[in-house]
Amino acid sequence: MEELSILRTFAAVTTVLAAALVAANVNARITVAGFMIFIVASVAWMADGWLETKASLVIQNVILLLINVIGVWRWFPRAEKEIRS
């Protein structure tokens, strides 16, 4: 399997896993983990877009990266409270 196919498979799998964790909304720690996995997925998709010179894919995932950083920032305090409880 060529490297680009591995990168795309990794990006797709992490995107689906992250979406499932965030959508499940089991608790704040799981939601934070989902957002963090989304960040990894965005970086992988940006790498794919960069290697394939697809500016739209890079731009889209830069925006999604920022959104997911905000998600971690918003949910992390709740996750810390759950850990202490």
N, C-alpha and C. Protein backbone atom coordinates (compact mmCIF):
# COMPACT_ATOMS: atom_id res chain seq x y z
N MET A 1 0.86 -1.18 0.00
CA MET A 1 0.00 0.00 0.00
C MET A 1 0.90 1.23 0.00
N GLU A 2 0.60 2.15 -0.86
CA GLU A 2 1.45 3.35 -0.93
C GLU A 2 1.19 4.27 0.25
N GLU A 3 2.16 5.11 0.55
CA GLU A 3 2.11 5.97 1.74
C GLU A 3 0.89 6.88 1.76
N LEU A 4 0.52 7.43 0.61
CA LEU A 4 -0.62 8.33 0.56
C LEU A 4 -1.92 7.60 0.89
N SER A 5 -2.03 6.37 0.47
CA SER A 5 -3.22 5.57 0.81
C SER A 5 -3.28 5.30 2.31
N ILE A 6 -2.13 5.04 2.90
CA ILE A 6 -2.08 4.82 4.35
C ILE A 6 -2.48 6.10 5.07
N LEU A 7 -1.97 7.24 4.63
CA LEU A 7 -2.33 8.52 5.24
C LEU A 7 -3.82 8.78 5.14
N ARG A 8 -4.39 8.55 3.97
CA ARG A 8 -5.83 8.78 3.78
C ARG A 8 -6.67 7.83 4.61
N THR A 9 -6.25 6.58 4.71
CA THR A 9 -6.98 5.62 5.53
C THR A 9 -6.93 6.03 6.99
N PHE A 10 -5.75 6.42 7.46
CA PHE A 10 -5.60 6.89 8.83
C PHE A 10 -6.49 8.10 9.09
N ALA A 11 -6.47 9.06 8.16
CA ALA A 11 -7.28 10.27 8.32
C ALA A 11 -8.77 9.93 8.37
N ALA A 12 -9.20 9.05 7.50
CA ALA A 12 -10.62 8.68 7.47
C ALA A 12 -11.05 7.94 8.75
N VAL A 13 -10.22 7.00 9.18
CA VAL A 13 -10.56 6.22 10.38
C VAL A 13 -10.59 7.12 11.61
N THR A 14 -9.60 8.01 11.75
CA THR A 14 -9.59 8.89 12.91
C THR A 14 -10.76 9.88 12.88
N THR A 15 -11.14 10.32 11.69
CA THR A 15 -12.29 11.22 11.58
C THR A 15 -13.57 10.54 12.05
N VAL A 16 -13.79 9.31 11.60
CA VAL A 16 -14.99 8.57 11.99
C VAL A 16 -14.99 8.27 13.49
N LEU A 17 -13.84 7.84 14.01
CA LEU A 17 -13.73 7.56 15.44
C LEU A 17 -14.03 8.81 16.27
N ALA A 18 -13.44 9.94 15.87
CA ALA A 18 -13.66 11.19 16.60
C ALA A 18 -15.12 11.60 16.56
N ALA A 19 -15.73 11.49 15.40
CA ALA A 19 -17.14 11.86 15.28
C ALA A 19 -18.01 10.99 16.18
N ALA A 20 -17.70 9.70 16.24
CA ALA A 20 -18.48 8.80 17.10
C ALA A 20 -18.33 9.17 18.57
N LEU A 21 -17.12 9.51 19.00
CA LEU A 21 -16.89 9.87 20.40
C LEU A 21 -17.60 11.17 20.77
N VAL A 22 -17.51 12.16 19.89
CA VAL A 22 -18.17 13.44 20.18
C VAL A 22 -19.69 13.27 20.15
N ALA A 23 -20.20 12.54 19.18
CA ALA A 23 -21.65 12.36 19.06
C ALA A 23 -22.21 11.54 20.22
N ALA A 24 -21.43 10.60 20.74
CA ALA A 24 -21.91 9.76 21.84
C ALA A 24 -22.19 10.60 23.09
N ASN A 25 -21.38 11.64 23.31
CA ASN A 25 -21.57 12.54 24.44
C ASN A 25 -21.76 11.76 25.75
N VAL A 26 -20.93 10.73 25.93
CA VAL A 26 -21.01 9.89 27.13
C VAL A 26 -20.65 10.69 28.37
N ASN A 27 -19.51 11.37 28.31
CA ASN A 27 -19.09 12.26 29.38
C ASN A 27 -18.08 13.25 28.79
N ALA A 28 -17.67 14.20 29.59
CA ALA A 28 -16.79 15.25 29.08
C ALA A 28 -15.42 14.71 28.68
N ARG A 29 -14.91 13.71 29.42
CA ARG A 29 -13.59 13.16 29.08
C ARG A 29 -13.61 12.50 27.70
N ILE A 30 -14.67 11.77 27.39
CA ILE A 30 -14.80 11.12 26.08
C ILE A 30 -14.95 12.18 24.99
N THR A 31 -15.71 13.22 25.28
CA THR A 31 -15.89 14.30 24.30
C THR A 31 -14.57 15.00 24.02
N VAL A 32 -13.79 15.29 25.06
CA VAL A 32 -12.47 15.91 24.87
C VAL A 32 -11.58 14.99 24.05
N ALA A 33 -11.61 13.71 24.34
CA ALA A 33 -10.81 12.75 23.56
C ALA A 33 -11.23 12.78 22.09
N GLY A 34 -12.52 12.87 21.85
CA GLY A 34 -13.02 12.97 20.47
C GLY A 34 -12.50 14.20 19.76
N PHE A 35 -12.54 15.35 20.44
CA PHE A 35 -12.02 16.57 19.83
C PHE A 35 -10.51 16.47 19.58
N MET A 36 -9.78 15.83 20.48
CA MET A 36 -8.34 15.68 20.30
C MET A 36 -8.04 14.76 19.11
N ILE A 37 -8.84 13.72 18.95
CA ILE A 37 -8.67 12.84 17.79
C ILE A 37 -9.04 13.58 16.51
N PHE A 38 -10.07 14.44 16.57
CA PHE A 38 -10.40 15.28 15.42
C PHE A 38 -9.20 16.16 15.03
N ILE A 39 -8.46 16.65 16.01
CA ILE A 39 -7.28 17.47 15.72
C ILE A 39 -6.25 16.65 14.95
N VAL A 40 -6.01 15.43 15.40
CA VAL A 40 -5.08 14.54 14.70
C VAL A 40 -5.56 14.29 13.28
N ALA A 41 -6.86 14.04 13.13
CA ALA A 41 -7.42 13.79 11.81
C ALA A 41 -7.27 15.01 10.90
N SER A 42 -7.50 16.20 11.43
CA SER A 42 -7.34 17.42 10.63
C SER A 42 -5.91 17.59 10.15
N VAL A 43 -4.96 17.29 11.02
CA VAL A 43 -3.55 17.39 10.62
C VAL A 43 -3.26 16.38 9.50
N ALA A 44 -3.79 15.18 9.63
CA ALA A 44 -3.59 14.16 8.59
C ALA A 44 -4.21 14.60 7.27
N TRP A 45 -5.43 15.16 7.32
CA TRP A 45 -6.06 15.64 6.09
C TRP A 45 -5.31 16.83 5.50
N MET A 46 -4.77 17.69 6.35
CA MET A 46 -3.96 18.81 5.84
C MET A 46 -2.71 18.29 5.14
N ALA A 47 -2.08 17.27 5.72
CA ALA A 47 -0.90 16.68 5.08
C ALA A 47 -1.26 16.11 3.72
N ASP A 48 -2.39 15.41 3.65
CA ASP A 48 -2.85 14.88 2.37
C ASP A 48 -3.10 16.00 1.36
N GLY A 49 -3.78 17.05 1.81
CA GLY A 49 -4.04 18.19 0.92
C GLY A 49 -2.77 18.86 0.47
N TRP A 50 -1.80 18.96 1.35
CA TRP A 50 -0.51 19.58 1.01
C TRP A 50 0.23 18.72 -0.02
N LEU A 51 0.28 17.42 0.22
CA LEU A 51 0.99 16.52 -0.70
C LEU A 51 0.33 16.45 -2.07
N GLU A 52 -0.97 16.59 -2.11
CA GLU A 52 -1.73 16.52 -3.36
C GLU A 52 -2.02 17.91 -3.95
N THR A 53 -1.46 18.93 -3.35
CA THR A 53 -1.69 20.34 -3.73
C THR A 53 -3.19 20.64 -3.90
N LYS A 54 -3.95 20.27 -2.88
CA LYS A 54 -5.39 20.56 -2.84
C LYS A 54 -5.62 21.62 -1.78
N ALA A 55 -5.56 22.87 -2.20
CA ALA A 55 -5.68 23.99 -1.27
C ALA A 55 -7.00 23.96 -0.50
N SER A 56 -8.06 23.55 -1.17
CA SER A 56 -9.37 23.53 -0.49
C SER A 56 -9.38 22.56 0.68
N LEU A 57 -8.72 21.42 0.54
CA LEU A 57 -8.66 20.45 1.62
C LEU A 57 -7.84 20.98 2.79
N VAL A 58 -6.76 21.67 2.47
CA VAL A 58 -5.92 22.26 3.51
C VAL A 58 -6.69 23.35 4.25
N ILE A 59 -7.31 24.25 3.51
CA ILE A 59 -8.05 25.36 4.12
C ILE A 59 -9.20 24.84 4.98
N GLN A 60 -9.94 23.88 4.46
CA GLN A 60 -11.06 23.30 5.21
C GLN A 60 -10.57 22.73 6.54
N ASN A 61 -9.47 22.02 6.51
CA ASN A 61 -9.01 21.37 7.74
C ASN A 61 -8.27 22.30 8.67
N VAL A 62 -7.75 23.41 8.18
CA VAL A 62 -7.23 24.44 9.09
C VAL A 62 -8.39 25.01 9.89
N ILE A 63 -9.50 25.27 9.23
CA ILE A 63 -10.68 25.78 9.92
C ILE A 63 -11.22 24.75 10.91
N LEU A 64 -11.31 23.49 10.48
CA LEU A 64 -11.78 22.44 11.38
C LEU A 64 -10.83 22.25 12.56
N LEU A 65 -9.54 22.39 12.33
CA LEU A 65 -8.57 22.31 13.41
C LEU A 65 -8.85 23.38 14.46
N LEU A 66 -9.08 24.59 14.02
CA LEU A 66 -9.39 25.68 14.95
C LEU A 66 -10.69 25.41 15.72
N ILE A 67 -11.69 24.91 15.03
CA ILE A 67 -12.95 24.57 15.68
C ILE A 67 -12.74 23.50 16.74
N ASN A 68 -11.94 22.50 16.43
CA ASN A 68 -11.69 21.42 17.38
C ASN A 68 -10.84 21.86 18.56
N VAL A 69 -9.92 22.79 18.34
CA VAL A 69 -9.16 23.37 19.46
C VAL A 69 -10.12 24.10 20.40
N ILE A 70 -11.07 24.82 19.84
CA ILE A 70 -12.08 25.48 20.66
C ILE A 70 -12.91 24.44 21.42
N GLY A 71 -13.23 23.33 20.78
CA GLY A 71 -13.96 22.25 21.45
C GLY A 71 -13.21 21.71 22.65
N VAL A 72 -11.91 21.48 22.49
CA VAL A 72 -11.10 21.01 23.62
C VAL A 72 -11.09 22.07 24.71
N TRP A 73 -10.89 23.31 24.33
CA TRP A 73 -10.82 24.42 25.29
C TRP A 73 -12.12 24.53 26.09
N ARG A 74 -13.27 24.34 25.43
CA ARG A 74 -14.56 24.46 26.12
C ARG A 74 -14.86 23.26 27.00
N TRP A 75 -14.50 22.06 26.55
CA TRP A 75 -14.88 20.84 27.27
C TRP A 75 -13.86 20.41 28.31
N PHE A 76 -12.62 20.85 28.20
CA PHE A 76 -11.58 20.38 29.11
C PHE A 76 -11.88 20.70 30.58
N PRO A 77 -12.36 21.90 30.91
CA PRO A 77 -12.69 22.15 32.33
C PRO A 77 -13.74 21.18 32.89
N ARG A 78 -14.70 20.81 32.09
CA ARG A 78 -15.71 19.84 32.54
C ARG A 78 -15.07 18.47 32.77
N ALA A 79 -14.15 18.10 31.89
CA ALA A 79 -13.46 16.82 32.03
C ALA A 79 -12.62 16.80 33.30
N GLU A 80 -11.96 17.90 33.60
CA GLU A 80 -11.17 17.98 34.85
C GLU A 80 -12.07 17.83 36.07
N LYS A 81 -13.24 18.44 36.05
CA LYS A 81 -14.19 18.32 37.16
C LYS A 81 -14.63 16.86 37.33
N GLU A 82 -14.85 16.16 36.23
CA GLU A 82 -15.24 14.75 36.30
C GLU A 82 -14.14 13.91 36.93
N ILE A 83 -12.91 14.21 36.61
CA ILE A 83 -11.77 13.46 37.16
C ILE A 83 -11.69 13.66 38.66
N ARG A 84 -11.91 14.88 39.12
CA ARG A 84 -11.84 15.19 40.55
C ARG A 84 -12.99 14.59 41.35
N SER A 85 -14.13 14.38 40.69
CA SER A 85 -15.32 13.87 41.39
C SER A 85 -15.24 12.40 41.68
